[in-house]
Amino acid sequence: MKIALPILMLLAIGICIFNLFQVNWESPLSGKSSVAVIGVLASASSFLLLLILMLSKKIAQKVKE
């Protein structure tokens, strides 16, 4: 789990960056650009969830000690 969380967080950031380059900034909610915007939001939320999981694991470890 110690290795999996940072790898998944890097993948989420990578997908977010990739989708940011796919967005047509002149009309971001039309055509394929809307799919890219949804991808950006999904990867950003998955990164935040993984960050919360990592922090909760650290807190649980400190409480045990």
PDB file of N, CA and C in Angstrom:
ATOM      1  N   MET A   1       0.815  -1.188   0.000  1.00  0.00           N
ATOM      2  CA  MET A   1       0.000   0.000   0.000  1.00  0.00           C
ATOM      3  C   MET A   1       0.863   1.259   0.000  1.00  0.00           C
ATOM      4  N   LYS A   2       2.068   1.162   0.592  1.00  0.00           N
ATOM      5  CA  LYS A   2       2.941   2.325   0.624  1.00  0.00           C
ATOM      6  C   LYS A   2       3.406   2.719  -0.773  1.00  0.00           C
ATOM      7  N   ILE A   3       3.570   1.749  -1.649  1.00  0.00           N
ATOM      8  CA  ILE A   3       4.025   2.031  -3.009  1.00  0.00           C
ATOM      9  C   ILE A   3       2.844   2.357  -3.922  1.00  0.00           C
ATOM     10  N   ALA A   4       1.706   1.724  -3.680  1.00  0.00           N
ATOM     11  CA  ALA A   4       0.552   1.871  -4.565  1.00  0.00           C
ATOM     12  C   ALA A   4      -0.038   3.285  -4.520  1.00  0.00           C
ATOM     13  N   LEU A   5      -0.149   3.867  -3.338  1.00  0.00           N
ATOM     14  CA  LEU A   5      -0.765   5.195  -3.237  1.00  0.00           C
ATOM     15  C   LEU A   5      -0.005   6.274  -4.005  1.00  0.00           C
ATOM     16  N   PRO A   6       1.317   6.390  -3.858  1.00  0.00           N
ATOM     17  CA  PRO A   6       2.012   7.419  -4.652  1.00  0.00           C
ATOM     18  C   PRO A   6       1.936   7.164  -6.161  1.00  0.00           C
ATOM     19  N   ILE A   7       1.971   5.886  -6.550  1.00  0.00           N
ATOM     20  CA  ILE A   7       1.864   5.577  -7.980  1.00  0.00           C
ATOM     21  C   ILE A   7       0.500   5.984  -8.515  1.00  0.00           C
ATOM     22  N   LEU A   8      -0.556   5.670  -7.767  1.00  0.00           N
ATOM     23  CA  LEU A   8      -1.902   6.055  -8.196  1.00  0.00           C
ATOM     24  C   LEU A   8      -2.079   7.567  -8.202  1.00  0.00           C
ATOM     25  N   MET A   9      -1.443   8.245  -7.254  1.00  0.00           N
ATOM     26  CA  MET A   9      -1.523   9.706  -7.236  1.00  0.00           C
ATOM     27  C   MET A   9      -0.810  10.314  -8.440  1.00  0.00           C
ATOM     28  N   LEU A  10       0.329   9.755  -8.807  1.00  0.00           N
ATOM     29  CA  LEU A  10       1.037  10.238  -9.998  1.00  0.00           C
ATOM     30  C   LEU A  10       0.227   9.979 -11.268  1.00  0.00           C
ATOM     31  N   LEU A  11      -0.424   8.822 -11.332  1.00  0.00           N
ATOM     32  CA  LEU A  11      -1.276   8.527 -12.490  1.00  0.00           C
ATOM     33  C   LEU A  11      -2.442   9.511 -12.575  1.00  0.00           C
ATOM     34  N   ALA A  12      -3.039   9.839 -11.445  1.00  0.00           N
ATOM     35  CA  ALA A  12      -4.152  10.793 -11.436  1.00  0.00           C
ATOM     36  C   ALA A  12      -3.692  12.169 -11.908  1.00  0.00           C
ATOM     37  N   ILE A  13      -2.515  12.605 -11.461  1.00  0.00           N
ATOM     38  CA  ILE A  13      -1.982  13.894 -11.903  1.00  0.00           C
ATOM     39  C   ILE A  13      -1.658  13.852 -13.394  1.00  0.00           C
ATOM     40  N   GLY A  14      -1.094  12.744 -13.850  1.00  0.00           N
ATOM     41  CA  GLY A  14      -0.777  12.603 -15.275  1.00  0.00           C
ATOM     42  C   GLY A  14      -2.008  12.645 -16.154  1.00  0.00           C
ATOM     43  N   ILE A  15      -3.058  11.953 -15.731  1.00  0.00           N
ATOM     44  CA  ILE A  15      -4.302  11.969 -16.499  1.00  0.00           C
ATOM     45  C   ILE A  15      -4.921  13.364 -16.493  1.00  0.00           C
ATOM     46  N   CYS A  16      -4.822  14.041 -15.369  1.00  0.00           N
ATOM     47  CA  CYS A  16      -5.355  15.404 -15.283  1.00  0.00           C
ATOM     48  C   CYS A  16      -4.619  16.338 -16.247  1.00  0.00           C
ATOM     49  N   ILE A  17      -3.306  16.246 -16.261  1.00  0.00           N
ATOM     50  CA  ILE A  17      -2.510  17.092 -17.165  1.00  0.00           C
ATOM     51  C   ILE A  17      -2.800  16.756 -18.622  1.00  0.00           C
ATOM     52  N   PHE A  18      -2.900  15.460 -18.927  1.00  0.00           N
ATOM     53  CA  PHE A  18      -3.202  15.057 -20.303  1.00  0.00           C
ATOM     54  C   PHE A  18      -4.546  15.622 -20.748  1.00  0.00           C
ATOM     55  N   ASN A  19      -5.552  15.522 -19.884  1.00  0.00           N
ATOM     56  CA  ASN A  19      -6.878  16.021 -20.245  1.00  0.00           C
ATOM     57  C   ASN A  19      -6.916  17.541 -20.329  1.00  0.00           C
ATOM     58  N   LEU A  20      -6.085  18.216 -19.559  1.00  0.00           N
ATOM     59  CA  LEU A  20      -6.035  19.671 -19.670  1.00  0.00           C
ATOM     60  C   LEU A  20      -5.562  20.106 -21.052  1.00  0.00           C
ATOM     61  N   PHE A  21      -4.667  19.333 -21.661  1.00  0.00           N
ATOM     62  CA  PHE A  21      -4.198  19.662 -22.998  1.00  0.00           C
ATOM     63  C   PHE A  21      -5.231  19.313 -24.067  1.00  0.00           C
ATOM     64  N   GLN A  22      -6.203  18.477 -23.752  1.00  0.00           N
ATOM     65  CA  GLN A  22      -7.228  18.086 -24.713  1.00  0.00           C
ATOM     66  C   GLN A  22      -8.410  19.061 -24.740  1.00  0.00           C
ATOM     67  N   VAL A  23      -8.501  19.936 -23.753  1.00  0.00           N
ATOM     68  CA  VAL A  23      -9.627  20.862 -23.659  1.00  0.00           C
ATOM     69  C   VAL A  23      -9.464  21.981 -24.683  1.00  0.00           C
ATOM     70  N   ASN A  24     -10.531  22.239 -25.427  1.00  0.00           N
ATOM     71  CA  ASN A  24     -10.578  23.390 -26.330  1.00  0.00           C
ATOM     72  C   ASN A  24     -11.038  24.584 -25.498  1.00  0.00           C
ATOM     73  N   TRP A  25     -10.137  25.514 -25.212  1.00  0.00           N
ATOM     74  CA  TRP A  25     -10.430  26.578 -24.267  1.00  0.00           C
ATOM     75  C   TRP A  25     -11.365  27.641 -24.841  1.00  0.00           C
ATOM     76  N   GLU A  26     -11.597  27.619 -26.158  1.00  0.00           N
ATOM     77  CA  GLU A  26     -12.547  28.569 -26.739  1.00  0.00           C
ATOM     78  C   GLU A  26     -13.982  28.151 -26.449  1.00  0.00           C
ATOM     79  N   SER A  27     -14.236  26.841 -26.448  1.00  0.00           N
ATOM     80  CA  SER A  27     -15.557  26.323 -26.073  1.00  0.00           C
ATOM     81  C   SER A  27     -15.357  25.012 -25.310  1.00  0.00           C
ATOM     82  N   PRO A  28     -15.116  25.112 -24.003  1.00  0.00           N
ATOM     83  CA  PRO A  28     -14.727  23.930 -23.238  1.00  0.00           C
ATOM     84  C   PRO A  28     -15.846  22.919 -23.004  1.00  0.00           C
ATOM     85  N   LEU A  29     -17.090  23.284 -23.237  1.00  0.00           N
ATOM     86  CA  LEU A  29     -18.182  22.349 -22.955  1.00  0.00           C
ATOM     87  C   LEU A  29     -18.870  21.850 -24.220  1.00  0.00           C
ATOM     88  N   SER A  30     -18.135  21.755 -25.314  1.00  0.00           N
ATOM     89  CA  SER A  30     -18.746  21.268 -26.545  1.00  0.00           C
ATOM     90  C   SER A  30     -17.880  20.161 -27.141  1.00  0.00           C
ATOM     91  N   GLY A  31     -18.531  19.122 -27.626  1.00  0.00           N
ATOM     92  CA  GLY A  31     -17.838  18.035 -28.309  1.00  0.00           C
ATOM     93  C   GLY A  31     -16.927  17.231 -27.403  1.00  0.00           C
ATOM     94  N   LYS A  32     -15.753  16.865 -27.942  1.00  0.00           N
ATOM     95  CA  LYS A  32     -14.794  16.065 -27.188  1.00  0.00           C
ATOM     96  C   LYS A  32     -14.195  16.835 -26.024  1.00  0.00           C
ATOM     97  N   SER A  33     -14.274  18.133 -26.081  1.00  0.00           N
ATOM     98  CA  SER A  33     -13.722  18.951 -25.017  1.00  0.00           C
ATOM     99  C   SER A  33     -14.484  18.746 -23.711  1.00  0.00           C
ATOM    100  N   SER A  34     -15.766  18.494 -23.789  1.00  0.00           N
ATOM    101  CA  SER A  34     -16.537  18.252 -22.565  1.00  0.00           C
ATOM    102  C   SER A  34     -16.099  16.960 -21.891  1.00  0.00           C
ATOM    103  N   VAL A  35     -15.733  15.953 -22.693  1.00  0.00           N
ATOM    104  CA  VAL A  35     -15.224  14.707 -22.128  1.00  0.00           C
ATOM    105  C   VAL A  35     -13.899  14.959 -21.407  1.00  0.00           C
ATOM    106  N   ALA A  36     -13.072  15.816 -21.980  1.00  0.00           N
ATOM    107  CA  ALA A  36     -11.799  16.154 -21.347  1.00  0.00           C
ATOM    108  C   ALA A  36     -12.011  16.909 -20.038  1.00  0.00           C
ATOM    109  N   VAL A  37     -12.997  17.796 -20.004  1.00  0.00           N
ATOM    110  CA  VAL A  37     -13.300  18.524 -18.766  1.00  0.00           C
ATOM    111  C   VAL A  37     -13.772  17.553 -17.691  1.00  0.00           C
ATOM    112  N   ILE A  38     -14.616  16.600 -18.066  1.00  0.00           N
ATOM    113  CA  ILE A  38     -15.075  15.585 -17.120  1.00  0.00           C
ATOM    114  C   ILE A  38     -13.887  14.752 -16.637  1.00  0.00           C
ATOM    115  N   GLY A  39     -12.969  14.433 -17.530  1.00  0.00           N
ATOM    116  CA  GLY A  39     -11.773  13.687 -17.149  1.00  0.00           C
ATOM    117  C   GLY A  39     -10.895  14.454 -16.180  1.00  0.00           C
ATOM    118  N   VAL A  40     -10.781  15.747 -16.380  1.00  0.00           N
ATOM    119  CA  VAL A  40      -9.998  16.584 -15.469  1.00  0.00           C
ATOM    120  C   VAL A  40     -10.639  16.572 -14.081  1.00  0.00           C
ATOM    121  N   LEU A  41     -11.943  16.752 -14.037  1.00  0.00           N
ATOM    122  CA  LEU A  41     -12.632  16.760 -12.746  1.00  0.00           C
ATOM    123  C   LEU A  41     -12.546  15.399 -12.055  1.00  0.00           C
ATOM    124  N   ALA A  42     -12.681  14.330 -12.817  1.00  0.00           N
ATOM    125  CA  ALA A  42     -12.618  12.988 -12.230  1.00  0.00           C
ATOM    126  C   ALA A  42     -11.229  12.674 -11.700  1.00  0.00           C
ATOM    127  N   SER A  43     -10.206  13.016 -12.456  1.00  0.00           N
ATOM    128  CA  SER A  43      -8.849  12.726 -11.991  1.00  0.00           C
ATOM    129  C   SER A  43      -8.455  13.617 -10.817  1.00  0.00           C
ATOM    130  N   ALA A  44      -8.924  14.852 -10.803  1.00  0.00           N
ATOM    131  CA  ALA A  44      -8.637  15.730  -9.666  1.00  0.00           C
ATOM    132  C   ALA A  44      -9.329  15.219  -8.405  1.00  0.00           C
ATOM    133  N   SER A  45     -10.560  14.754  -8.536  1.00  0.00           N
ATOM    134  CA  SER A  45     -11.250  14.232  -7.360  1.00  0.00           C
ATOM    135  C   SER A  45     -10.622  12.926  -6.887  1.00  0.00           C
ATOM    136  N   SER A  46     -10.163  12.083  -7.823  1.00  0.00           N
ATOM    137  CA  SER A  46      -9.502  10.851  -7.399  1.00  0.00           C
ATOM    138  C   SER A  46      -8.184  11.157  -6.692  1.00  0.00           C
ATOM    139  N   PHE A  47      -7.468  12.185  -7.138  1.00  0.00           N
ATOM    140  CA  PHE A  47      -6.240  12.586  -6.455  1.00  0.00           C
ATOM    141  C   PHE A  47      -6.546  13.042  -5.038  1.00  0.00           C
ATOM    142  N   LEU A  48      -7.599  13.832  -4.870  1.00  0.00           N
ATOM    143  CA  LEU A  48      -7.952  14.296  -3.537  1.00  0.00           C
ATOM    144  C   LEU A  48      -8.363  13.149  -2.628  1.00  0.00           C
ATOM    145  N   LEU A  49      -9.100  12.182  -3.165  1.00  0.00           N
ATOM    146  CA  LEU A  49      -9.487  11.023  -2.363  1.00  0.00           C
ATOM    147  C   LEU A  49      -8.274  10.198  -1.945  1.00  0.00           C
ATOM    148  N   LEU A  50      -7.326  10.033  -2.844  1.00  0.00           N
ATOM    149  CA  LEU A  50      -6.107   9.306  -2.503  1.00  0.00           C
ATOM    150  C   LEU A  50      -5.282  10.063  -1.468  1.00  0.00           C
ATOM    151  N   LEU A  51      -5.263  11.371  -1.563  1.00  0.00           N
ATOM    152  CA  LEU A  51      -4.558  12.188  -0.584  1.00  0.00           C
ATOM    153  C   LEU A  51      -5.208  12.049   0.794  1.00  0.00           C
ATOM    154  N   ILE A  52      -6.531  12.064   0.843  1.00  0.00           N
ATOM    155  CA  ILE A  52      -7.237  11.876   2.110  1.00  0.00           C
ATOM    156  C   ILE A  52      -6.950  10.498   2.675  1.00  0.00           C
ATOM    157  N   LEU A  53      -6.915   9.480   1.820  1.00  0.00           N
ATOM    158  CA  LEU A  53      -6.602   8.130   2.284  1.00  0.00           C
ATOM    159  C   LEU A  53      -5.195   8.055   2.864  1.00  0.00           C
ATOM    160  N   MET A  54      -4.247   8.694   2.202  1.00  0.00           N
ATOM    161  CA  MET A  54      -2.868   8.675   2.684  1.00  0.00           C
ATOM    162  C   MET A  54      -2.755   9.373   4.040  1.00  0.00           C
ATOM    163  N   LEU A  55      -3.437  10.511   4.174  1.00  0.00           N
ATOM    164  CA  LEU A  55      -3.388  11.235   5.439  1.00  0.00           C
ATOM    165  C   LEU A  55      -4.077  10.461   6.554  1.00  0.00           C
ATOM    166  N   SER A  56      -5.165   9.790   6.245  1.00  0.00           N
ATOM    167  CA  SER A  56      -5.848   9.014   7.275  1.00  0.00           C
ATOM    168  C   SER A  56      -5.017   7.819   7.717  1.00  0.00           C
ATOM    169  N   LYS A  57      -4.274   7.221   6.802  1.00  0.00           N
ATOM    170  CA  LYS A  57      -3.366   6.125   7.169  1.00  0.00           C
ATOM    171  C   LYS A  57      -2.280   6.632   8.108  1.00  0.00           C
ATOM    172  N   LYS A  58      -1.727   7.812   7.834  1.00  0.00           N
ATOM    173  CA  LYS A  58      -0.701   8.381   8.694  1.00  0.00           C
ATOM    174  C   LYS A  58      -1.256   8.701  10.088  1.00  0.00           C
ATOM    175  N   ILE A  59      -2.463   9.234  10.134  1.00  0.00           N
ATOM    176  CA  ILE A  59      -3.078   9.552  11.422  1.00  0.00           C
ATOM    177  C   ILE A  59      -3.346   8.280  12.208  1.00  0.00           C
ATOM    178  N   ALA A  60      -3.851   7.249  11.546  1.00  0.00           N
ATOM    179  CA  ALA A  60      -4.111   5.969  12.219  1.00  0.00           C
ATOM    180  C   ALA A  60      -2.826   5.363  12.768  1.00  0.00           C
ATOM    181  N   GLN A  61      -1.745   5.504  12.037  1.00  0.00           N
ATOM    182  CA  GLN A  61      -0.457   4.974  12.490  1.00  0.00           C
ATOM    183  C   GLN A  61       0.035   5.729  13.726  1.00  0.00           C
ATOM    184  N   LYS A  62      -0.144   7.058  13.750  1.00  0.00           N
ATOM    185  CA  LYS A  62       0.298   7.847  14.903  1.00  0.00           C
ATOM    186  C   LYS A  62      -0.568   7.561  16.122  1.00  0.00           C
ATOM    187  N   VAL A  63      -1.842   7.295  15.924  1.00  0.00           N
ATOM    188  CA  VAL A  63      -2.734   6.999  17.040  1.00  0.00           C
ATOM    189  C   VAL A  63      -2.369   5.646  17.656  1.00  0.00           C
ATOM    190  N   LYS A  64      -1.951   4.681  16.829  1.00  0.00           N
ATOM    191  CA  LYS A  64      -1.538   3.377  17.335  1.00  0.00           C
ATOM    192  C   LYS A  64      -0.324   3.489  18.234  1.00  0.00           C
ATOM    193  N   GLU A  65       0.583   4.389  17.900  1.00  0.00           N
ATOM    194  CA  GLU A  65       1.823   4.526  18.665  1.00  0.00           C
ATOM    195  C   GLU A  65       1.594   5.263  19.920  1.00  0.00           C
TER     196      GLU A  65
END
